[in-house]
Amino acid sequence: MSTEGTSDHLAATERTRVRRLRERGTHDRTLVEAIVDEAYVAHVGFVVDGEPRVLPMTYGRDGDALYLHGAVGNAMLRASAGAEVCVTITLLDGLVLARSAFHHSMNYRSVVLVGTAEKVDDPDEKRRAFDVIVDHVLPGRSATARPTNDEELRTTLVLRLPIAEGSAKVRAGGVGDDAEDLDLDVWAGVVPLALVAGDPVQDPDQVARLGERPAPAITRPG
């Protein structure tokens, strides 16, 4: 197993090797990036004063870098700068309902990334990171929203995590019941799940000031 990342695969290390159900795991960069691009929330794990912490965060990917951001006053986020972090991202695709309680499962696509979170100080890169994160929320949004100003840059901490060491794990199958349970009269199958955007609700203050405006189209990879 290679411990060096390439343009096609992330580095496979003891920290990122899939140990259980290895056939579901991969270090394929294309799949990892596809999952990262489709999801909205990353859970970022790090250590503060010897204690573990996990924060759910928005993020954005720019090539082989993952950008995270938060308030400069966030002690936990500050502790991550220059430190080793673990980022997990998950898409839930279905509930797998088996005949037995033991074999219930879920269909999912998940990513685990580990590495050193680097603090971004360059103003131009920070602005770029803001645009990347905003465009991850809604593609193209940074071109229409007010740009980030100097005060917002000053009060925001931006971290960059190289997408270099990590893995993806995917389950996309059906029910895996035991042979002796197949005749049980218990419904078995898969309930597909998907994140779906509802009807946009315009800000009432904007309606009062400017009138109704057309909502942007909500698009997403996947």
Protein backbone atom coordinates (compact mmCIF):
# COMPACT_ATOMS: atom_id res chain seq x y z
CA MET A 1 0.00 0.00 0.00
CA SER A 2 1.49 3.28 -1.10
CA THR A 3 2.03 5.95 1.53
CA GLU A 4 2.65 8.65 -1.09
CA GLY A 5 -0.19 10.62 -2.62
CA THR A 6 -0.44 11.03 -6.39
CA SER A 7 -2.57 13.02 -8.80
CA ASP A 8 -4.98 10.06 -8.89
CA HIS A 9 -4.92 8.80 -5.30
CA LEU A 10 -4.58 10.19 -1.80
CA ALA A 11 -1.81 8.92 0.44
CA ALA A 12 -2.77 5.59 2.02
CA THR A 13 -1.40 5.49 5.56
CA GLU A 14 -2.15 3.68 8.80
CA ARG A 15 -4.27 6.68 9.77
CA THR A 16 -6.48 6.45 6.69
CA ARG A 17 -6.46 2.76 5.80
CA VAL A 18 -9.97 1.25 5.76
CA ARG A 19 -9.77 -1.71 8.10
CA ARG A 20 -13.30 -3.11 8.19
CA LEU A 21 -15.05 -4.08 4.94
CA ARG A 22 -12.01 -3.00 2.97
CA GLU A 23 -13.77 -3.55 -0.34
CA ARG A 24 -15.83 -0.44 0.39
CA GLY A 25 -12.78 1.75 0.84
CA THR A 26 -10.69 3.61 -1.69
CA HIS A 27 -8.09 6.35 -1.90
CA ASP A 28 -9.27 7.42 -5.35
CA ARG A 29 -8.95 11.19 -5.55
CA THR A 30 -11.78 11.64 -8.05
CA LEU A 31 -14.28 9.93 -5.74
CA VAL A 32 -13.02 11.77 -2.67
CA GLU A 33 -13.38 15.13 -4.39
CA ALA A 34 -16.85 14.26 -5.72
CA ILE A 35 -18.08 13.49 -2.18
CA VAL A 36 -16.47 16.64 -0.80
CA ASP A 37 -18.07 18.75 -3.53
CA GLU A 38 -21.57 17.34 -3.03
CA ALA A 39 -21.78 17.57 0.76
CA TYR A 40 -22.37 20.73 2.77
CA VAL A 41 -20.98 20.05 6.25
CA ALA A 42 -17.60 18.81 7.47
CA HIS A 43 -16.94 17.64 11.01
CA VAL A 44 -13.51 18.83 12.06
CA GLY A 45 -11.78 17.01 14.90
CA PHE A 46 -8.81 18.42 16.82
CA VAL A 47 -7.36 18.59 20.33
CA VAL A 48 -7.56 21.60 22.66
CA ASP A 49 -5.66 21.49 25.96
CA GLY A 50 -5.40 17.73 25.72
CA GLU A 51 -9.13 17.22 25.15
CA PRO A 52 -10.82 16.15 21.88
CA ARG A 53 -13.19 18.51 20.10
CA VAL A 54 -15.31 18.16 16.96
CA LEU A 55 -16.93 21.11 15.18
CA PRO A 56 -19.41 20.98 12.29
CA MET A 57 -18.29 23.54 9.72
CA THR A 58 -19.00 24.80 6.24
CA TYR A 59 -16.08 24.54 3.86
CA GLY A 60 -14.98 24.84 0.26
CA ARG A 61 -12.58 22.94 -1.98
CA ASP A 62 -10.11 24.63 -4.30
CA GLY A 63 -8.17 22.00 -6.21
CA ASP A 64 -6.30 19.89 -3.68
CA ALA A 65 -6.99 22.21 -0.74
CA LEU A 66 -9.91 22.32 1.68
CA TYR A 67 -10.68 25.73 3.19
CA LEU A 68 -12.30 26.19 6.61
CA HIS A 69 -13.13 29.45 8.32
CA GLY A 70 -14.47 30.92 11.54
CA ALA A 71 -14.14 33.83 13.94
CA VAL A 72 -10.61 34.72 15.06
CA GLY A 73 -11.94 34.66 18.63
CA ASN A 74 -12.80 30.98 18.40
CA ALA A 75 -10.21 29.40 20.70
CA MET A 76 -10.86 25.91 19.38
CA LEU A 77 -10.37 26.99 15.78
CA ARG A 78 -7.22 28.92 16.68
CA ALA A 79 -5.86 25.79 18.31
CA SER A 80 -6.22 23.98 14.98
CA ALA A 81 -3.87 26.35 13.15
CA GLY A 82 -0.64 24.48 12.56
CA ALA A 83 -2.00 21.36 14.25
CA GLU A 84 -3.04 17.93 13.05
CA VAL A 85 -6.77 17.70 12.35
CA CYS A 86 -9.17 15.04 11.14
CA VAL A 87 -12.03 16.01 8.83
CA THR A 88 -14.98 13.73 8.11
CA ILE A 89 -17.66 14.34 5.47
CA THR A 90 -20.69 12.09 4.92
CA LEU A 91 -23.55 11.81 2.45
CA LEU A 92 -26.46 9.63 3.58
CA ASP A 93 -28.07 7.85 0.62
CA GLY A 94 -30.45 5.34 2.15
CA LEU A 95 -31.77 3.39 5.13
CA VAL A 96 -31.16 -0.34 4.82
CA LEU A 97 -33.96 -2.13 6.69
CA ALA A 98 -33.22 -5.80 7.27
CA ARG A 99 -35.33 -8.61 8.64
CA SER A 100 -33.07 -8.81 11.68
CA ALA A 101 -32.10 -5.93 13.93
CA PHE A 102 -28.45 -6.90 13.59
CA HIS A 103 -28.27 -6.39 9.83
CA HIS A 104 -29.86 -2.93 9.66
CA SER A 105 -27.51 -0.50 7.97
CA MET A 106 -27.27 2.64 5.86
CA ASN A 107 -26.09 3.43 2.37
CA TYR A 108 -23.58 6.24 2.44
CA ARG A 109 -20.59 7.92 0.87
CA SER A 110 -18.00 9.20 3.31
CA VAL A 111 -14.55 10.77 3.37
CA VAL A 112 -11.90 10.98 6.07
CA LEU A 113 -9.04 13.47 5.63
CA VAL A 114 -6.12 14.01 7.99
CA GLY A 115 -3.31 16.51 7.90
CA THR A 116 -1.95 19.77 9.22
CA ALA A 117 -4.33 22.74 9.12
CA GLU A 118 -2.37 25.72 7.84
CA LYS A 119 -3.38 29.27 8.79
CA VAL A 120 -3.92 31.49 5.76
CA ASP A 121 -2.50 34.99 6.27
CA ASP A 122 -2.18 36.26 2.70
CA PRO A 123 -5.12 38.65 2.10
CA ASP A 124 -5.56 37.61 -1.52
CA GLU A 125 -5.70 33.94 -0.62
CA LYS A 126 -8.13 34.69 2.22
CA ARG A 127 -10.43 36.48 -0.21
CA ARG A 128 -10.13 33.57 -2.60
CA ALA A 129 -10.99 31.18 0.24
CA PHE A 130 -14.10 33.22 1.07
CA ASP A 131 -15.24 32.99 -2.54
CA VAL A 132 -14.55 29.25 -2.63
CA ILE A 133 -16.61 28.64 0.53
CA VAL A 134 -19.49 30.85 -0.66
CA ASP A 135 -19.51 29.14 -4.06
CA HIS A 136 -19.58 25.77 -2.31
CA VAL A 137 -22.82 26.83 -0.64
CA LEU A 138 -24.23 28.00 -3.98
CA PRO A 139 -22.14 27.79 -7.18
CA GLY A 140 -21.54 31.24 -8.65
CA ARG A 141 -22.79 33.09 -5.59
CA SER A 142 -19.55 35.00 -5.00
CA ALA A 143 -20.03 36.80 -8.33
CA THR A 144 -23.31 38.37 -7.17
CA ALA A 145 -22.87 38.82 -3.39
CA ARG A 146 -21.07 41.80 -1.86
CA PRO A 147 -17.34 41.00 -1.69
CA THR A 148 -15.67 40.38 1.65
CA ASN A 149 -14.36 43.65 3.10
CA ASP A 150 -11.14 44.30 5.04
CA GLU A 151 -12.83 44.22 8.46
CA GLU A 152 -14.43 40.86 7.72
CA LEU A 153 -11.06 39.52 6.61
CA ARG A 154 -9.43 40.80 9.80
CA THR A 155 -11.96 39.14 12.09
CA THR A 156 -12.03 35.80 10.29
CA LEU A 157 -9.57 32.95 10.64
CA VAL A 158 -9.06 30.86 7.51
CA LEU A 159 -7.44 27.42 7.57
CA ARG A 160 -6.21 25.41 4.61
CA LEU A 161 -6.02 21.61 4.79
CA PRO A 162 -4.20 19.83 1.96
CA ILE A 163 -6.32 17.05 0.44
CA ALA A 164 -3.40 14.67 0.44
CA GLU A 165 -3.93 11.95 3.06
CA GLY A 166 -7.32 10.33 3.35
CA SER A 167 -9.80 7.78 2.12
CA ALA A 168 -13.39 7.31 1.01
CA LYS A 169 -15.79 4.57 2.02
CA VAL A 170 -19.03 3.77 0.22
CA ARG A 171 -21.96 1.44 0.84
CA ALA A 172 -24.49 1.23 -1.98
CA GLY A 173 -26.00 -2.23 -1.63
CA GLY A 174 -29.20 -3.84 -0.50
CA VAL A 175 -30.18 -5.93 2.49
CA GLY A 176 -27.73 -8.55 3.76
CA ASP A 177 -29.90 -10.85 5.87
CA ASP A 178 -28.91 -14.32 7.02
CA ALA A 179 -30.31 -17.24 5.04
CA GLU A 180 -32.35 -18.51 8.00
CA ASP A 181 -34.15 -15.15 8.24
CA LEU A 182 -35.26 -14.83 4.61
CA ASP A 183 -38.76 -16.26 5.25
CA LEU A 184 -39.52 -13.92 8.14
CA ASP A 185 -42.59 -11.73 7.55
CA VAL A 186 -40.72 -8.50 8.26
CA TRP A 187 -40.50 -5.83 5.56
CA ALA A 188 -36.98 -5.63 4.19
CA GLY A 189 -35.46 -3.26 1.65
CA VAL A 190 -33.87 0.12 1.13
CA VAL A 191 -35.44 3.53 1.72
CA PRO A 192 -33.56 6.01 -0.52
CA LEU A 193 -32.68 9.35 1.06
CA ALA A 194 -31.61 12.60 -0.55
CA LEU A 195 -31.11 16.20 0.52
CA VAL A 196 -33.65 18.25 -1.42
CA ALA A 197 -33.99 22.04 -1.54
CA GLY A 198 -37.39 23.44 -0.67
CA ASP A 199 -39.03 26.53 -2.14
CA PRO A 200 -36.85 29.62 -1.52
CA VAL A 201 -38.26 32.17 0.96
CA GLN A 202 -37.17 35.74 0.24
CA ASP A 203 -36.05 37.93 3.14
CA PRO A 204 -39.13 39.99 4.18
CA ASP A 205 -36.99 43.10 4.69
CA GLN A 206 -35.74 42.82 1.11
CA VAL A 207 -39.28 42.45 -0.17
CA ALA A 208 -40.27 45.60 1.73
CA ARG A 209 -37.29 47.57 0.42
CA LEU A 210 -36.91 46.30 -3.14
CA GLY A 211 -39.93 44.18 -3.91
CA GLU A 212 -39.95 40.55 -4.92
CA ARG A 213 -36.86 39.28 -6.68
CA PRO A 214 -36.32 35.98 -8.50
CA ALA A 215 -34.52 33.39 -6.38
CA PRO A 216 -31.27 31.88 -7.62
CA ALA A 217 -31.37 28.39 -9.03
CA ILE A 218 -30.21 25.85 -6.47
CA THR A 219 -27.74 23.50 -8.12
CA ARG A 220 -25.53 20.82 -6.64
CA PRO A 221 -23.06 18.21 -7.89
CA GLY A 222 -24.23 14.61 -7.80
